[in-house]
């Protein structure tokens, strides 16, 4: 069976749209209607007129799409595709932090559960976190969760004193600083680009720090350069398509593995076969309780409005 061909047929037959994150395997990116970062995916989910949304990403992304589209079927190829960062912020513990700091505005990175979003005043992505933080008056204190590395980066960019949740992404914390320096020595003159979920010592070496979409744009504007890319290795597929002649080198992870780079096991749980099965059987579906959804949609809509 030609799975890509069958997926294309099913999308048309069922008036479905496939949204995929840059970290998905290349064959999924190739059949997707849109490939993007968290902000772009949220915007597309909010705008789509499709009757069914298949989200090739991880659970919190599909949840966000369901929050924005309560009357549509939202499917995720593998329900076990979670997120280490989202898991690092349990709702019960986060509520205690909010209750202990009632005068704070709560800004949460989109990489969190629907329950956490429901406790938030604003949601942000790595693309717009600086914008969202700067939208709050300087005299108003802010809780920023769950990613401490992104929070520290935004603190530095804005000069704001943020109360940070102690969460992180295991993929972006896996980069080896020593190996990165050795790799740079092997490729003198190359530029290091990094995602702000990475640790501070990685970001301090980078020539550019930004979201996945921002990193791709930066490379497109400098196609003659050589780049060491410090984010999940799935980004290299679309990035290389944009700049086929540019040398792109994945930043090395601390642990030796088959690709000597950093990959998200959760993102890679989705496969072309699972995507086909998902479209064919219209399962597994993502459900969000209406109580949670009504609260969670407010900070997402505020983010989308500010990001226009």
Protein backbone atom coordinates (compact mmCIF):
# COMPACT_ATOMS: atom_id res chain seq x y z
CA UNK A 1 0.00 0.00 0.00
CA UNK A 2 1.18 3.49 -0.88
CA UNK A 3 0.44 5.06 2.52
CA UNK A 4 1.13 8.63 1.40
CA UNK A 5 -1.29 8.25 -1.51
CA UNK A 6 -3.96 6.70 0.73
CA UNK A 7 -3.56 9.46 3.32
CA UNK A 8 -4.02 12.09 0.61
CA UNK A 9 -7.17 10.30 -0.57
CA UNK A 10 -8.60 10.04 2.97
CA UNK A 11 -7.87 13.71 3.71
CA UNK A 12 -9.93 14.74 0.69
CA UNK A 13 -12.70 12.21 1.33
CA UNK A 14 -13.12 13.20 4.99
CA UNK A 15 -12.42 16.93 4.59
CA UNK A 16 -9.55 16.54 7.01
CA UNK A 17 -6.43 18.61 7.54
CA UNK A 18 -3.11 17.21 8.76
CA UNK A 19 -1.05 19.59 10.88
CA UNK A 20 2.52 18.50 11.63
CA UNK A 21 5.29 19.86 13.81
CA UNK A 22 8.81 20.33 12.45
CA UNK A 23 9.99 17.54 14.74
CA UNK A 24 7.90 14.85 13.02
CA UNK A 25 9.57 12.25 10.79
CA UNK A 26 10.10 13.47 7.20
CA UNK A 27 7.49 11.18 5.62
CA UNK A 28 4.79 12.70 7.86
CA UNK A 29 5.96 16.23 7.08
CA UNK A 30 5.66 15.41 3.37
CA UNK A 31 1.94 14.46 3.57
CA UNK A 32 0.96 17.25 5.96
CA UNK A 33 -1.10 20.23 4.82
CA UNK A 34 0.92 22.49 7.08
CA UNK A 35 4.22 22.03 8.90
CA UNK A 36 5.19 24.57 11.52
CA UNK A 37 6.12 25.56 15.05
CA UNK A 38 3.71 25.82 17.98
CA UNK A 39 2.55 29.34 17.14
CA UNK A 40 1.97 28.60 13.47
CA UNK A 41 0.19 25.35 14.28
CA UNK A 42 -2.07 27.10 16.81
CA UNK A 43 -2.92 29.77 14.25
CA UNK A 44 -3.73 27.19 11.59
CA UNK A 45 -5.84 25.18 14.03
CA UNK A 46 -7.81 28.32 14.88
CA UNK A 47 -8.36 29.22 11.22
CA UNK A 48 -9.09 25.87 9.57
CA UNK A 49 -12.47 25.13 8.02
CA UNK A 50 -11.72 21.41 7.84
CA UNK A 51 -14.20 19.08 9.51
CA UNK A 52 -11.45 16.97 11.06
CA UNK A 53 -7.99 17.87 12.37
CA UNK A 54 -5.27 15.24 12.52
CA UNK A 55 -2.44 16.56 14.65
CA UNK A 56 0.91 14.96 13.92
CA UNK A 57 2.66 16.17 17.01
CA UNK A 58 2.32 15.52 20.73
CA UNK A 59 -0.62 15.47 23.11
CA UNK A 60 -0.63 19.09 24.31
CA UNK A 61 -0.66 20.30 20.68
CA UNK A 62 -3.71 18.22 19.81
CA UNK A 63 -5.36 19.42 23.04
CA UNK A 64 -4.81 23.02 21.98
CA UNK A 65 -6.43 22.29 18.62
CA UNK A 66 -9.42 20.73 20.40
CA UNK A 67 -9.74 23.70 22.74
CA UNK A 68 -9.93 25.95 19.67
CA UNK A 69 -12.26 23.58 17.78
CA UNK A 70 -14.66 21.97 20.28
CA UNK A 71 -17.12 20.85 17.60
CA UNK A 72 -14.57 19.17 15.35
CA UNK A 73 -12.94 15.78 15.58
CA UNK A 74 -9.31 16.20 16.63
CA UNK A 75 -7.16 13.10 16.23
CA UNK A 76 -3.65 12.21 17.39
CA UNK A 77 -1.95 9.24 15.69
CA UNK A 78 -0.54 7.95 19.00
CA UNK A 79 -2.12 8.94 22.33
CA UNK A 80 1.12 8.07 24.12
CA UNK A 81 2.95 10.87 22.31
CA UNK A 82 3.40 13.08 25.35
CA UNK A 83 5.91 15.76 26.36
CA UNK A 84 8.55 15.72 29.10
CA UNK A 85 8.15 19.47 29.59
CA UNK A 86 4.37 19.28 29.98
CA UNK A 87 4.80 16.36 32.39
CA UNK A 88 7.16 18.44 34.53
CA UNK A 89 4.27 20.68 35.61
CA UNK A 90 1.56 18.73 37.49
CA UNK A 91 -1.67 20.78 37.87
CA UNK A 92 -1.98 20.23 41.64
CA UNK A 93 1.54 21.49 42.34
CA UNK A 94 1.17 24.41 39.94
CA UNK A 95 -2.06 25.50 41.63
CA UNK A 96 -0.21 25.71 44.95
CA UNK A 97 2.32 28.10 43.38
CA UNK A 98 -0.47 30.29 41.99
CA UNK A 99 -2.36 30.30 45.30
CA UNK A 100 0.83 31.33 47.11
CA UNK A 101 1.33 34.28 44.72
CA UNK A 102 -2.17 35.65 44.06
CA UNK A 103 -0.98 39.04 42.78
CA UNK A 104 0.97 37.49 39.87
CA UNK A 105 -0.10 37.29 36.24
CA UNK A 106 0.32 33.70 35.05
CA UNK A 107 1.99 33.16 31.67
CA UNK A 108 2.45 29.59 30.51
CA UNK A 109 4.44 28.27 27.60
CA UNK A 110 2.15 26.37 25.23
CA UNK A 111 4.03 23.13 26.02
CA UNK A 112 1.73 22.32 28.93
CA UNK A 113 -1.52 20.47 29.58
CA UNK A 114 -5.02 21.87 29.12
CA UNK A 115 -5.36 21.95 32.92
CA UNK A 116 -2.33 24.23 33.22
CA UNK A 117 -3.59 26.49 30.43
CA UNK A 118 -6.92 26.74 32.29
CA UNK A 119 -5.05 28.25 35.27
CA UNK A 120 -3.27 30.81 33.08
CA UNK A 121 -3.88 34.42 32.14
CA UNK A 122 -1.85 34.19 28.94
CA UNK A 123 -0.23 31.45 26.88
CA UNK A 124 2.93 31.98 24.83
CA UNK A 125 5.18 30.12 22.41
CA UNK A 126 8.93 30.45 21.92
CA UNK A 127 8.12 32.70 18.93
CA UNK A 128 6.18 35.26 20.95
CA UNK A 129 7.21 34.80 24.61
CA UNK A 130 9.06 38.11 24.70
CA UNK A 131 6.06 39.90 23.16
CA UNK A 132 3.63 38.30 25.62
CA UNK A 133 5.77 39.13 28.68
CA UNK A 134 6.22 42.72 27.48
CA UNK A 135 2.43 43.07 27.14
CA UNK A 136 2.18 43.01 30.95
CA UNK A 137 2.86 46.31 32.78
CA UNK A 138 6.33 46.30 34.35
CA UNK A 139 5.02 46.78 37.87
CA UNK A 140 2.93 43.59 37.65
CA UNK A 141 4.75 40.42 38.84
CA UNK A 142 4.67 37.36 36.57
CA UNK A 143 4.72 33.61 37.08
CA UNK A 144 6.29 31.95 34.03
CA UNK A 145 5.92 28.21 33.51
CA UNK A 146 6.79 25.48 32.84
CA UNK A 147 10.12 25.91 31.00
CA UNK A 148 12.81 27.43 33.20
CA UNK A 149 15.32 27.72 30.34
CA UNK A 150 12.94 29.70 28.14
CA UNK A 151 12.01 31.72 31.24
CA UNK A 152 15.63 32.58 32.00
CA UNK A 153 16.17 33.59 28.37
CA UNK A 154 13.09 35.85 28.41
CA UNK A 155 14.18 37.35 31.74
CA UNK A 156 17.47 38.31 30.12
CA UNK A 157 15.75 39.71 27.01
CA UNK A 158 13.12 41.74 28.86
CA UNK A 159 14.84 42.59 32.13
CA UNK A 160 11.78 41.29 34.00
CA UNK A 161 12.04 39.38 37.27
CA UNK A 162 9.95 36.29 36.53
CA UNK A 163 8.90 33.70 39.08
CA UNK A 164 9.96 30.55 37.21
CA UNK A 165 8.56 27.05 37.43
CA UNK A 166 11.35 24.44 37.56
CA UNK A 167 10.48 22.52 34.39
CA UNK A 168 12.47 21.60 31.30
CA UNK A 169 12.54 19.59 28.08
CA UNK A 170 14.78 16.53 28.23
CA UNK A 171 15.59 16.89 24.52
CA UNK A 172 16.85 20.46 24.76
CA UNK A 173 18.74 19.74 27.98
CA UNK A 174 20.53 16.82 26.33
CA UNK A 175 22.99 18.89 24.33
CA UNK A 176 26.61 18.43 25.32
CA UNK A 177 28.48 21.71 25.72
CA UNK A 178 31.90 20.03 25.41
CA UNK A 179 30.87 18.14 22.29
CA UNK A 180 29.37 21.30 20.82
CA UNK A 181 32.67 23.15 21.26
CA UNK A 182 34.59 20.27 19.67
CA UNK A 183 32.15 20.23 16.77
CA UNK A 184 32.60 23.98 16.33
CA UNK A 185 36.38 23.51 16.27
CA UNK A 186 35.90 20.95 13.49
CA UNK A 187 33.82 23.48 11.55
CA UNK A 188 35.49 26.86 12.17
CA UNK A 189 33.42 29.83 11.09
CA UNK A 190 30.14 27.96 11.38
CA UNK A 191 27.21 29.62 13.14
CA UNK A 192 25.46 28.03 16.10
CA UNK A 193 21.68 28.47 16.19
CA UNK A 194 19.69 27.30 19.19
CA UNK A 195 16.17 26.94 20.54
CA UNK A 196 15.53 28.93 23.76
CA UNK A 197 14.48 25.74 25.60
CA UNK A 198 18.19 24.87 25.64
CA UNK A 199 20.31 25.50 28.73
CA UNK A 200 21.90 28.92 29.26
CA UNK A 201 25.46 27.81 28.47
CA UNK A 202 24.30 26.55 25.07
CA UNK A 203 22.38 29.76 24.34
CA UNK A 204 25.39 31.89 25.29
CA UNK A 205 27.43 30.25 22.52
CA UNK A 206 24.73 30.77 19.88
CA UNK A 207 24.82 33.30 17.07
CA UNK A 208 21.04 33.14 16.91
CA UNK A 209 18.39 32.01 19.42
CA UNK A 210 14.80 31.51 18.31
CA UNK A 211 11.83 29.27 17.70
CA UNK A 212 11.94 26.49 15.13
CA UNK A 213 10.31 28.78 12.55
CA UNK A 214 12.70 31.57 13.51
CA UNK A 215 15.71 29.31 13.07
CA UNK A 216 14.57 28.30 9.59
CA UNK A 217 14.07 31.96 8.62
CA UNK A 218 17.53 32.85 9.93
CA UNK A 219 19.17 30.12 7.86
CA UNK A 220 17.20 31.17 4.75
CA UNK A 221 18.54 34.71 5.14
CA UNK A 222 22.13 33.44 5.42
CA UNK A 223 22.27 30.48 2.97
CA UNK A 224 26.01 30.74 2.34
CA UNK A 225 26.85 30.06 5.98
CA UNK A 226 27.44 26.71 7.71
CA UNK A 227 25.19 26.02 10.71
CA UNK A 228 25.28 23.89 13.84
CA UNK A 229 21.65 23.43 14.81
CA UNK A 230 20.79 23.01 18.51
CA UNK A 231 17.22 21.76 18.58
CA UNK A 232 15.39 18.50 17.90
CA UNK A 233 16.89 16.99 14.75
CA UNK A 234 13.54 16.73 12.93
CA UNK A 235 13.84 20.41 11.99
CA UNK A 236 16.67 19.58 9.59
CA UNK A 237 14.26 18.10 7.02
CA UNK A 238 12.35 21.31 6.23
CA UNK A 239 15.39 23.48 6.88
CA UNK A 240 17.46 21.59 4.30
CA UNK A 241 14.60 21.84 1.79
CA UNK A 242 14.70 25.62 2.15
CA UNK A 243 18.50 25.82 1.73
CA UNK A 244 19.59 22.70 -0.19
CA UNK A 245 23.19 23.90 -0.68
CA UNK A 246 23.74 24.91 2.96
CA UNK A 247 25.69 22.68 5.35
CA UNK A 248 23.52 21.86 8.39
CA UNK A 249 25.01 19.95 11.31
CA UNK A 250 22.90 18.67 14.23
CA UNK A 251 24.24 19.68 17.64
CA UNK A 252 25.52 16.65 19.57
CA UNK A 253 23.70 15.15 22.52
CA UNK A 254 25.41 14.15 25.76
CA UNK A 255 24.59 10.48 25.28
CA UNK A 256 25.91 8.68 22.22
CA UNK A 257 23.12 7.51 19.94
CA UNK A 258 22.60 6.45 16.36
CA UNK A 259 22.37 9.95 14.90
CA UNK A 260 24.70 11.73 17.37
CA UNK A 261 21.99 14.35 17.76
CA UNK A 262 19.03 15.04 19.99
CA UNK A 263 15.67 13.48 19.10
CA UNK A 264 12.33 13.56 20.90
CA UNK A 265 11.13 10.00 21.41
CA UNK A 266 7.58 11.29 21.90
CA UNK A 267 7.55 13.15 18.56
CA UNK A 268 8.90 10.08 16.81
CA UNK A 269 6.11 7.84 18.16
CA UNK A 270 3.90 9.01 15.29
CA UNK A 271 4.47 7.06 12.07
CA UNK A 272 3.00 7.16 8.59
CA UNK A 273 1.16 3.90 9.31
CA UNK A 274 -0.34 5.32 12.51
CA UNK A 275 -1.33 8.49 10.65
CA UNK A 276 -3.12 6.38 8.02
CA UNK A 277 -4.86 4.24 10.66
CA UNK A 278 -5.89 7.38 12.50
CA UNK A 279 -7.52 8.90 9.42
CA UNK A 280 -9.12 5.63 8.36
CA UNK A 281 -10.65 4.77 11.75
CA UNK A 282 -11.04 8.34 13.06
CA UNK A 283 -9.40 7.38 16.31
CA UNK A 284 -7.83 8.06 18.78
CA UNK A 285 -9.78 11.24 19.42
CA UNK A 286 -8.70 14.02 21.76
CA UNK A 287 -11.27 15.13 24.33
CA UNK A 288 -11.13 18.13 26.67
CA UNK A 289 -13.82 18.69 29.28
CA UNK A 290 -15.96 21.75 28.64
CA UNK A 291 -15.12 23.14 32.09
CA UNK A 292 -11.39 23.07 31.31
CA UNK A 293 -11.87 24.17 27.70
CA UNK A 294 -13.85 27.32 28.61
CA UNK A 295 -11.03 28.45 30.90
CA UNK A 296 -8.13 27.33 28.70
CA UNK A 297 -9.36 29.01 25.52
CA UNK A 298 -9.16 32.50 27.06
CA UNK A 299 -5.37 32.70 27.46
CA UNK A 300 -4.88 31.06 24.05
CA UNK A 301 -7.15 33.58 22.35
CA UNK A 302 -5.34 36.43 24.11
CA UNK A 303 -2.05 35.09 22.74
CA UNK A 304 -3.42 34.75 19.21
CA UNK A 305 -4.80 38.29 19.31
CA UNK A 306 -1.47 39.74 20.50
CA UNK A 307 0.44 37.73 17.88
CA UNK A 308 -1.45 38.98 14.81
